[in-house]
């Protein structure tokens, strides 16, 4: 789900935030690296507030940020509040809703579009849970994908973040029709099994799909 954090600021906000700006930005970028903070910035003309967009399972992801933000604790922000935002349109919408007569899967799998599809997903877990997730993906998920018609391979990527491990899963498919054979009638929704959810701290609820425009040729014999 998406959550908006609104800041109502003091009259001398620009001056009062200056000593804490670097601390605030460091905290914000750390939240972004974890996948919690999607976008953030001050309102302009005039600078009389700020809005931060968070992604998470509950409003706590935004509330916990605000409570320890140097802008808040210093008094530069005089009041803050969080609102749940039901996002329904756009590639990263948490609950995508299509108009009648049009579905994302129909548009993307039109017969005349023959490009292969790369499906991308991200998840994050505590460092001590990274082995559990990797084992689940490599021993259960990837072998099951190999049995699906139109599946063409998978990559499991990982990187270390402050206090967390991020995984990126890339799967290759002949078409969006092939993706739908795995994901069902709403292919943009992530398929995350309970066993994976149990070890992940956060994960994408919506998938990102790319048409593969160019790929290296397989090496010859």
Protein backbone atom coordinates (compact mmCIF):
# COMPACT_ATOMS: atom_id res chain seq x y z
CA UNK A 1 0.00 0.00 0.00
CA UNK A 2 0.98 3.64 -0.40
CA UNK A 3 0.98 6.22 2.39
CA UNK A 4 1.43 10.00 2.20
CA UNK A 5 3.24 11.76 5.02
CA UNK A 6 2.33 15.46 5.19
CA UNK A 7 4.51 17.98 7.00
CA UNK A 8 3.11 21.29 8.23
CA UNK A 9 6.13 23.51 8.85
CA UNK A 10 7.07 26.42 11.09
CA UNK A 11 7.02 29.95 9.71
CA UNK A 12 10.83 30.08 9.62
CA UNK A 13 11.08 26.53 8.23
CA UNK A 14 13.77 27.21 5.61
CA UNK A 15 16.11 28.74 8.19
CA UNK A 16 15.31 26.22 10.95
CA UNK A 17 15.85 23.16 8.76
CA UNK A 18 19.32 24.24 7.58
CA UNK A 19 21.37 22.73 10.48
CA UNK A 20 19.50 19.41 10.12
CA UNK A 21 19.24 19.16 6.34
CA UNK A 22 22.09 16.70 5.85
CA UNK A 23 20.82 14.41 8.64
CA UNK A 24 17.32 14.53 7.19
CA UNK A 25 18.55 13.72 3.67
CA UNK A 26 20.70 10.85 4.92
CA UNK A 27 17.70 9.37 6.75
CA UNK A 28 15.49 9.83 3.69
CA UNK A 29 17.93 8.21 1.28
CA UNK A 30 18.37 5.26 3.63
CA UNK A 31 14.59 4.80 3.61
CA UNK A 32 14.64 5.02 -0.17
CA UNK A 33 17.40 2.38 -0.40
CA UNK A 34 15.27 0.05 1.74
CA UNK A 35 12.35 0.56 -0.64
CA UNK A 36 10.21 2.30 2.00
CA UNK A 37 10.35 5.87 0.64
CA UNK A 38 9.23 6.31 -2.97
CA UNK A 39 9.35 10.10 -3.40
CA UNK A 40 9.82 13.07 -1.09
CA UNK A 41 10.26 16.80 -1.29
CA UNK A 42 9.18 20.23 -0.11
CA UNK A 43 6.20 22.06 -1.54
CA UNK A 44 7.29 25.05 -3.60
CA UNK A 45 6.21 28.63 -4.26
CA UNK A 46 5.94 29.06 -1.32
CA UNK A 47 7.94 26.52 0.67
CA UNK A 48 5.27 25.96 3.29
CA UNK A 49 5.16 22.18 3.70
CA UNK A 50 6.46 18.85 2.44
CA UNK A 51 5.02 15.56 1.20
CA UNK A 52 6.65 12.13 1.40
CA UNK A 53 5.30 9.04 -0.35
CA UNK A 54 5.91 5.70 1.36
CA UNK A 55 5.26 2.10 0.33
CA UNK A 56 4.60 -0.52 2.97
CA UNK A 57 2.18 -2.90 4.62
CA UNK A 58 0.93 -0.34 7.18
CA UNK A 59 1.14 3.40 7.99
CA UNK A 60 3.86 2.56 10.52
CA UNK A 61 6.46 2.82 7.76
CA UNK A 62 5.69 6.57 7.46
CA UNK A 63 4.91 7.19 11.14
CA UNK A 64 8.20 5.72 12.32
CA UNK A 65 10.09 7.88 9.86
CA UNK A 66 8.39 11.06 11.03
CA UNK A 67 8.87 10.44 14.74
CA UNK A 68 12.65 10.36 14.39
CA UNK A 69 13.11 12.82 11.54
CA UNK A 70 15.44 15.68 12.62
CA UNK A 71 13.07 18.16 10.97
CA UNK A 72 10.33 17.00 13.35
CA UNK A 73 12.39 16.63 16.51
CA UNK A 74 13.99 20.06 15.98
CA UNK A 75 10.65 21.82 15.60
CA UNK A 76 11.15 22.84 11.96
CA UNK A 77 8.05 20.72 11.30
CA UNK A 78 5.30 21.72 13.70
CA UNK A 79 2.74 19.05 12.75
CA UNK A 80 2.66 15.88 10.66
CA UNK A 81 0.04 13.31 9.72
CA UNK A 82 -0.25 10.23 7.51
CA UNK A 83 -2.97 9.36 5.02
CA UNK A 84 -3.41 6.06 3.20
CA UNK A 85 -3.38 6.66 -0.58
CA UNK A 86 -5.22 4.14 -2.74
CA UNK A 87 -3.23 4.20 -6.00
CA UNK A 88 -5.12 2.66 -8.92
CA UNK A 89 -3.49 3.97 -12.12
CA UNK A 90 0.13 3.72 -13.23
CA UNK A 91 2.80 1.07 -13.46
CA UNK A 92 3.52 1.21 -9.72
CA UNK A 93 -0.08 1.44 -8.53
CA UNK A 94 -0.64 -0.66 -5.41
CA UNK A 95 -4.17 -1.69 -6.44
CA UNK A 96 -4.38 -1.23 -10.24
CA UNK A 97 -7.90 -0.84 -11.65
CA UNK A 98 -8.54 -1.01 -15.40
CA UNK A 99 -11.55 0.64 -17.10
CA UNK A 100 -14.22 -1.64 -18.53
CA UNK A 101 -13.17 -3.18 -21.81
CA UNK A 102 -9.45 -2.73 -21.29
CA UNK A 103 -7.03 -4.89 -19.36
CA UNK A 104 -3.30 -4.53 -19.00
CA UNK A 105 -2.72 -8.12 -20.01
CA UNK A 106 -4.72 -7.72 -23.24
CA UNK A 107 -2.85 -4.59 -24.23
CA UNK A 108 0.58 -6.01 -23.56
CA UNK A 109 0.06 -9.41 -25.13
CA UNK A 110 -1.40 -8.23 -28.43
CA UNK A 111 -0.49 -10.74 -31.18
CA UNK A 112 1.47 -8.22 -33.21
CA UNK A 113 3.91 -7.58 -30.35
CA UNK A 114 6.32 -10.49 -30.36
CA UNK A 115 9.06 -9.20 -28.07
CA UNK A 116 10.17 -11.31 -25.15
CA UNK A 117 9.25 -10.06 -21.70
CA UNK A 118 11.43 -9.54 -18.64
CA UNK A 119 9.51 -9.57 -15.36
CA UNK A 120 11.21 -7.78 -12.44
CA UNK A 121 10.49 -8.04 -8.72
CA UNK A 122 12.30 -6.82 -5.59
CA UNK A 123 12.21 -8.02 -2.00
CA UNK A 124 14.15 -7.16 1.15
CA UNK A 125 14.99 -9.14 4.25
CA UNK A 126 17.22 -9.05 7.30
CA UNK A 127 20.78 -10.30 6.59
CA UNK A 128 20.24 -13.43 8.67
CA UNK A 129 17.21 -14.35 6.53
CA UNK A 130 18.95 -13.94 3.16
CA UNK A 131 19.99 -17.58 2.96
CA UNK A 132 16.45 -18.76 3.64
CA UNK A 133 15.02 -16.66 0.83
CA UNK A 134 17.73 -17.65 -1.66
CA UNK A 135 17.17 -21.33 -0.88
CA UNK A 136 13.41 -20.90 -1.38
CA UNK A 137 13.88 -19.19 -4.75
CA UNK A 138 16.51 -21.57 -6.10
CA UNK A 139 15.07 -24.85 -4.85
CA UNK A 140 11.32 -24.24 -5.17
CA UNK A 141 10.37 -21.23 -7.26
CA UNK A 142 12.81 -21.48 -10.16
CA UNK A 143 12.31 -25.24 -10.73
CA UNK A 144 8.54 -24.68 -10.79
CA UNK A 145 8.91 -21.91 -13.37
CA UNK A 146 10.82 -24.24 -15.68
CA UNK A 147 7.68 -26.34 -16.05
CA UNK A 148 5.62 -23.43 -17.44
CA UNK A 149 5.30 -23.10 -21.21
CA UNK A 150 6.95 -19.90 -22.41
CA UNK A 151 9.34 -19.48 -19.48
CA UNK A 152 12.88 -18.78 -20.73
CA UNK A 153 15.04 -18.47 -17.64
CA UNK A 154 15.54 -16.56 -14.39
CA UNK A 155 18.13 -14.52 -12.54
CA UNK A 156 18.45 -14.00 -8.79
CA UNK A 157 20.41 -10.86 -7.85
CA UNK A 158 21.32 -9.55 -4.42
CA UNK A 159 22.97 -6.52 -2.85
CA UNK A 160 23.70 -5.37 0.67
CA UNK A 161 21.86 -2.32 2.03
CA UNK A 162 22.18 -0.72 5.47
CA UNK A 163 20.73 -3.37 7.76
CA UNK A 164 19.14 -5.40 4.97
CA UNK A 165 19.68 -7.55 1.91
CA UNK A 166 17.80 -6.71 -1.27
CA UNK A 167 16.96 -9.39 -3.82
CA UNK A 168 15.96 -8.73 -7.41
CA UNK A 169 14.32 -11.53 -9.38
CA UNK A 170 14.34 -11.28 -13.17
CA UNK A 171 12.38 -13.85 -15.15
CA UNK A 172 12.25 -14.16 -18.94
CA UNK A 173 9.11 -15.04 -20.90
CA UNK A 174 8.07 -15.50 -24.52
CA UNK A 175 5.14 -13.08 -24.12
CA UNK A 176 2.67 -11.60 -21.65
CA UNK A 177 0.45 -14.58 -22.43
CA UNK A 178 3.20 -16.80 -21.05
CA UNK A 179 3.46 -14.58 -17.97
CA UNK A 180 -0.29 -14.97 -17.43
CA UNK A 181 0.08 -18.75 -17.44
CA UNK A 182 2.16 -18.27 -14.28
CA UNK A 183 0.62 -15.20 -12.67
CA UNK A 184 -3.04 -15.56 -13.66
CA UNK A 185 -5.46 -12.96 -15.08
CA UNK A 186 -3.75 -10.05 -13.29
CA UNK A 187 -0.11 -10.48 -14.34
CA UNK A 188 0.98 -7.15 -12.82
CA UNK A 189 0.32 -8.49 -9.34
CA UNK A 190 3.29 -10.12 -7.63
CA UNK A 191 3.11 -13.82 -6.79
CA UNK A 192 4.84 -14.21 -3.42
CA UNK A 193 4.34 -17.50 -1.64
CA UNK A 194 3.70 -17.56 2.14
CA UNK A 195 7.07 -19.22 2.73
CA UNK A 196 8.80 -16.24 1.10
CA UNK A 197 6.61 -13.70 2.87
CA UNK A 198 7.61 -15.21 6.20
CA UNK A 199 11.28 -14.25 5.73
CA UNK A 200 10.89 -10.97 3.82
CA UNK A 201 10.66 -7.62 5.59
CA UNK A 202 9.15 -5.93 2.52
CA UNK A 203 8.54 -6.75 -1.11
CA UNK A 204 7.00 -5.39 -4.29
CA UNK A 205 3.27 -6.00 -4.55
CA UNK A 206 3.21 -5.01 -8.22
CA UNK A 207 5.51 -6.36 -10.92
CA UNK A 208 7.45 -4.39 -13.52
CA UNK A 209 7.48 -5.77 -17.06
CA UNK A 210 9.90 -4.85 -19.83
CA UNK A 211 9.85 -5.75 -23.51
CA UNK A 212 13.32 -6.98 -24.48
CA UNK A 213 14.44 -4.87 -27.42
CA UNK A 214 17.91 -6.39 -27.74
CA UNK A 215 19.76 -9.29 -26.16
CA UNK A 216 23.21 -10.80 -26.83
CA UNK A 217 23.26 -13.82 -29.08
CA UNK A 218 24.11 -17.13 -27.51
CA UNK A 219 27.78 -18.06 -28.10
CA UNK A 220 28.41 -20.51 -30.89
CA UNK A 221 29.83 -24.00 -30.46
